[in-house]
Amino acid sequence: MTSDLQFAHELAASTGELLVALRQRIGFVDRFALMDAGDRAAQVHIAGELAKYRPHDAILSEEAPDSTARLNADRVWIIDPVDGTSAFGFERSTEWAVHVALWERGHIVVGVVGRPATGEIFDTGTAAIKPKLHQDLRIVCSRSRATRFVHAVSADLGARTVDMSSAGIKTLAVLNGEADGYVHSGGQHQWDNAAPIAIAAAAGLYAARIDGTKITYNERSTLIADLVVCRPEITEQLTAAIRRNIALA
């Protein structure tokens, strides 16, 4: 039987291929129609593959109704068929991703983030921190929802803010040396960050809630209010800046 990691990797790859082909076929004249089509097609494909190859597992997906049955399951796939859907609708954007994570008895045991527009796939089995690509300090943040708190922390550090779409793409920016940290407040859902946070932790990045507590998954509420991911060498510096500005969060 294919391992869960290999299955998740292949699922992210096949979903990404489907989405790239869909963009080419539909085009970008009506980006909202494209975005809707992408969400639907990716969800149908992923649900079909899970039903075929992992039929006894529960699923939590952004694009499907939630069921409390997952709360009593031993294994739950946490899926974001298209993370960064708004970016998916722009022809030249590569800032969208496919997230596939497996939660098992209290822990995320598999995480895969595919970046279909570049053909890259990252997973918990092979993720590694790459050298920095810049000399200054950079904090990546939401392109559309960066909060006062995030800007205050960045200013406290004397860091440049770099905005991007997709929680997965922002986490990969830290992993790949494009940024030193990723700080978010203002809310996400479990499917937004389960796979990228698992990859970050597996690679040796610091990943937690902004108060330092562990991010937990398969909770009844899908909401996750905040998070921070950073390279290990700036963990102390960044968490100190967060504490100094926590009143703004």
Protein backbone atom coordinates (compact mmCIF):
# COMPACT_ATOMS: atom_id res chain seq x y z
CA MET A 1 0.00 0.00 0.00
CA THR A 2 1.25 3.49 -0.84
CA SER A 3 2.46 5.34 2.25
CA ASP A 4 0.43 8.28 3.47
CA LEU A 5 3.26 10.68 2.58
CA GLN A 6 3.59 9.32 -0.95
CA PHE A 7 -0.18 9.36 -1.41
CA ALA A 8 -0.41 12.98 -0.21
CA HIS A 9 2.47 13.99 -2.47
CA GLU A 10 0.82 12.37 -5.49
CA LEU A 11 -2.53 13.92 -4.58
CA ALA A 12 -1.04 17.42 -4.41
CA ALA A 13 0.75 16.83 -7.71
CA SER A 14 -2.30 15.58 -9.59
CA THR A 15 -4.46 18.37 -8.19
CA GLY A 16 -1.88 20.93 -9.23
CA GLU A 17 -1.76 19.54 -12.77
CA LEU A 18 -5.55 19.73 -12.95
CA LEU A 19 -5.52 23.36 -11.80
CA VAL A 20 -2.80 24.44 -14.22
CA ALA A 21 -4.72 22.85 -17.10
CA LEU A 22 -7.92 24.52 -15.93
CA ARG A 23 -6.30 27.97 -15.97
CA GLN A 24 -5.08 27.37 -19.51
CA ARG A 25 -8.48 26.15 -20.69
CA ILE A 26 -10.72 28.77 -19.05
CA GLY A 27 -8.40 31.75 -19.23
CA PHE A 28 -8.49 34.95 -17.16
CA VAL A 29 -11.16 37.09 -18.77
CA ASP A 30 -13.53 36.30 -15.90
CA ARG A 31 -11.21 35.64 -12.97
CA PHE A 32 -14.06 35.03 -10.53
CA ALA A 33 -15.47 32.28 -12.72
CA LEU A 34 -11.99 30.79 -12.91
CA MET A 35 -11.58 30.95 -9.13
CA ASP A 36 -14.92 29.20 -8.56
CA ALA A 37 -14.10 26.56 -11.17
CA GLY A 38 -10.72 25.92 -9.57
CA ASP A 39 -12.14 25.45 -6.09
CA ARG A 40 -14.83 23.08 -7.38
CA ALA A 41 -12.61 21.00 -9.64
CA ALA A 42 -9.86 20.59 -7.06
CA GLN A 43 -12.34 19.63 -4.35
CA VAL A 44 -14.05 17.03 -6.55
CA HIS A 45 -10.71 15.50 -7.53
CA ILE A 46 -9.33 15.37 -3.98
CA ALA A 47 -12.56 13.99 -2.50
CA GLY A 48 -12.66 11.32 -5.18
CA GLU A 49 -9.09 10.22 -4.57
CA LEU A 50 -9.60 10.10 -0.80
CA ALA A 51 -12.81 8.10 -1.21
CA LYS A 52 -10.99 5.65 -3.47
CA TYR A 53 -7.71 5.21 -1.61
CA ARG A 54 -8.43 6.27 1.99
CA PRO A 55 -12.17 5.51 2.31
CA HIS A 56 -12.22 5.08 6.09
CA ASP A 57 -10.59 8.40 6.94
CA ALA A 58 -12.45 11.60 7.82
CA ILE A 59 -11.97 14.83 5.88
CA LEU A 60 -11.92 18.51 6.80
CA SER A 61 -11.81 20.68 3.68
CA GLU A 62 -12.41 24.34 3.00
CA GLU A 63 -14.62 23.46 0.05
CA ALA A 64 -16.86 20.85 1.70
CA PRO A 65 -19.38 20.89 4.57
CA ASP A 66 -17.82 20.12 7.93
CA SER A 67 -18.97 17.10 9.92
CA THR A 68 -18.49 16.63 13.65
CA ALA A 69 -17.87 12.95 12.90
CA ARG A 70 -14.24 13.93 12.36
CA LEU A 71 -13.93 14.73 16.08
CA ASN A 72 -14.22 11.02 16.88
CA ALA A 73 -12.02 9.84 14.02
CA ASP A 74 -8.46 8.55 14.42
CA ARG A 75 -7.39 9.97 11.07
CA VAL A 76 -8.49 13.20 9.41
CA TRP A 77 -7.26 14.66 6.13
CA ILE A 78 -7.14 18.46 6.37
CA ILE A 79 -7.37 19.91 2.88
CA ASP A 80 -7.24 23.26 1.17
CA PRO A 81 -7.87 22.51 -2.52
CA VAL A 82 -6.69 25.98 -3.58
CA ASP A 83 -4.99 28.10 -0.96
CA GLY A 84 -4.75 31.67 -2.22
CA THR A 85 -7.75 31.42 -4.53
CA SER A 86 -7.65 35.13 -5.34
CA ALA A 87 -4.07 34.76 -6.61
CA PHE A 88 -5.13 31.71 -8.64
CA GLY A 89 -7.34 34.06 -10.65
CA PHE A 90 -4.44 36.27 -11.77
CA GLU A 91 -2.57 35.07 -14.85
CA ARG A 92 0.95 35.87 -13.74
CA SER A 93 0.62 34.92 -10.08
CA THR A 94 2.40 31.89 -8.66
CA GLU A 95 1.22 32.62 -5.10
CA TRP A 96 -1.36 29.87 -4.79
CA ALA A 97 -1.01 26.34 -3.48
CA VAL A 98 -2.58 22.96 -2.78
CA HIS A 99 -2.52 21.86 0.87
CA VAL A 100 -2.79 18.23 1.95
CA ALA A 101 -2.28 17.27 5.61
CA LEU A 102 -3.07 14.18 7.65
CA TRP A 103 -3.96 14.47 11.33
CA GLU A 104 -3.68 11.25 13.30
CA ARG A 105 -4.54 10.86 17.00
CA GLY A 106 -3.64 14.39 18.01
CA HIS A 107 -0.83 15.22 15.60
CA ILE A 108 -0.26 16.23 12.01
CA VAL A 109 1.82 13.33 10.69
CA VAL A 110 1.94 14.27 7.01
CA GLY A 111 2.01 17.66 5.33
CA VAL A 112 2.36 18.48 1.64
CA VAL A 113 2.20 21.88 -0.06
CA GLY A 114 2.19 21.96 -3.83
CA ARG A 115 3.00 25.14 -5.75
CA PRO A 116 1.53 24.16 -9.12
CA ALA A 117 2.49 27.34 -11.00
CA THR A 118 6.19 26.56 -10.46
CA GLY A 119 5.95 22.77 -10.34
CA GLU A 120 7.36 22.63 -6.80
CA ILE A 121 6.10 20.30 -4.07
CA PHE A 122 7.24 20.43 -0.44
CA ASP A 123 6.55 17.78 2.18
CA THR A 124 7.31 16.78 5.73
CA GLY A 125 9.60 13.98 4.59
CA THR A 126 12.10 16.11 2.69
CA ALA A 127 11.68 19.73 3.81
CA ALA A 128 14.88 21.56 4.71
CA ILE A 129 15.78 25.15 5.57
CA LYS A 130 17.63 26.84 2.71
CA PRO A 131 20.18 29.66 3.05
CA LYS A 132 18.97 33.24 3.23
CA LEU A 133 18.72 35.12 -0.03
CA HIS A 134 19.08 38.62 1.46
CA GLN A 135 20.98 40.57 4.10
CA ASP A 136 18.18 42.58 5.70
CA LEU A 137 15.47 41.26 8.04
CA ARG A 138 12.20 40.43 6.28
CA ILE A 139 8.78 39.51 7.67
CA VAL A 140 6.24 38.11 5.24
CA CYS A 141 2.62 38.98 5.85
CA SER A 142 -0.82 38.88 4.29
CA ARG A 143 -1.25 40.90 1.12
CA SER A 144 -4.87 41.75 1.90
CA ARG A 145 -5.21 41.39 5.70
CA ALA A 146 -1.98 42.43 7.41
CA THR A 147 -2.94 43.84 10.81
CA ARG A 148 -1.65 46.71 12.90
CA PHE A 149 -0.06 44.12 15.20
CA VAL A 150 1.96 42.56 12.36
CA HIS A 151 3.22 45.94 11.19
CA ALA A 152 4.10 46.91 14.78
CA VAL A 153 6.14 43.74 15.30
CA SER A 154 7.96 44.27 12.02
CA ALA A 155 8.72 47.90 12.88
CA ASP A 156 9.94 46.85 16.33
CA LEU A 157 12.44 44.53 14.65
CA GLY A 158 13.42 47.08 12.03
CA ALA A 159 12.29 44.53 9.47
CA ARG A 160 10.98 45.01 5.97
CA THR A 161 7.47 43.63 5.40
CA VAL A 162 6.88 41.56 2.28
CA ASP A 163 3.27 40.84 1.39
CA MET A 164 2.21 37.61 -0.32
CA SER A 165 -0.91 35.56 -0.92
CA SER A 166 -1.51 32.06 0.52
CA ALA A 167 -0.41 30.89 3.96
CA GLY A 168 1.40 28.04 2.28
CA ILE A 169 3.40 30.33 0.00
CA LYS A 170 4.30 32.62 2.92
CA THR A 171 5.54 29.68 4.99
CA LEU A 172 7.58 28.42 2.05
CA ALA A 173 9.13 31.88 1.73
CA VAL A 174 10.63 31.43 5.19
CA LEU A 175 11.74 27.88 4.42
CA ASN A 176 13.36 28.92 1.13
CA GLY A 177 15.24 31.91 2.52
CA GLU A 178 13.08 34.61 0.92
CA ALA A 179 11.98 35.84 4.37
CA ASP A 180 13.08 35.45 7.98
CA GLY A 181 9.62 35.12 9.51
CA TYR A 182 5.91 34.99 8.87
CA VAL A 183 3.56 36.64 11.37
CA HIS A 184 -0.22 36.50 11.09
CA SER A 185 -3.08 37.69 13.25
CA GLY A 186 -6.71 38.26 12.43
CA GLY A 187 -7.72 34.67 11.85
CA GLN A 188 -7.25 31.67 9.60
CA HIS A 189 -8.75 28.20 9.43
CA GLN A 190 -7.15 24.83 10.05
CA TRP A 191 -6.94 24.06 6.33
CA ASP A 192 -5.02 27.29 5.72
CA ASN A 193 -2.02 26.23 7.74
CA ALA A 194 -2.08 22.53 8.75
CA ALA A 195 0.13 21.36 5.88
CA PRO A 196 2.56 24.32 5.82
CA ILE A 197 2.98 24.38 9.60
CA ALA A 198 3.75 20.65 9.58
CA ILE A 199 6.40 21.22 6.90
CA ALA A 200 7.86 24.17 8.80
CA ALA A 201 8.17 22.15 12.00
CA ALA A 202 9.63 19.13 10.19
CA ALA A 203 12.30 21.33 8.62
CA GLY A 204 13.30 22.89 11.96
CA LEU A 205 11.58 26.26 11.71
CA TYR A 206 9.91 27.70 14.79
CA ALA A 207 6.12 27.44 14.40
CA ALA A 208 3.55 28.32 17.07
CA ARG A 209 0.70 30.59 18.07
CA ILE A 210 1.82 34.14 18.81
CA ASP A 211 1.55 33.45 22.56
CA GLY A 212 4.01 30.58 22.15
CA THR A 213 1.51 27.76 22.50
CA LYS A 214 1.29 24.85 20.10
CA ILE A 215 -1.08 25.05 17.13
CA THR A 216 -3.57 22.20 17.45
CA TYR A 217 -5.76 20.63 14.79
CA ASN A 218 -9.00 18.70 14.39
CA GLU A 219 -10.58 20.95 17.00
CA ARG A 220 -14.33 21.54 16.89
CA SER A 221 -13.86 25.14 15.73
CA THR A 222 -11.90 25.38 12.50
CA LEU A 223 -10.64 28.86 13.41
CA ILE A 224 -6.99 29.50 14.26
CA ALA A 225 -6.59 33.12 15.30
CA ASP A 226 -2.88 33.68 14.76
CA LEU A 227 0.51 32.12 14.13
CA VAL A 228 4.21 32.80 13.75
CA VAL A 229 6.79 30.93 11.70
CA CYS A 230 10.46 31.90 11.67
CA ARG A 231 13.98 30.75 11.08
CA PRO A 232 15.56 29.41 14.29
CA GLU A 233 18.25 32.09 14.45
CA ILE A 234 15.69 34.88 14.93
CA THR A 235 13.23 33.04 17.20
CA GLU A 236 14.29 34.82 20.38
CA GLN A 237 14.38 38.22 18.68
CA LEU A 238 11.00 37.81 17.00
CA THR A 239 9.16 36.35 19.98
CA ALA A 240 10.46 39.19 22.16
CA ALA A 241 9.06 41.73 19.67
CA ILE A 242 5.75 39.88 19.70
CA ARG A 243 5.58 40.06 23.50
CA ARG A 244 6.27 43.78 23.43
CA ASN A 245 3.39 44.36 21.00
CA ILE A 246 0.94 41.66 22.05
CA ALA A 247 -1.60 44.22 23.27
CA LEU A 248 -2.26 45.14 19.62
CA ALA A 249 -3.09 41.55 18.61
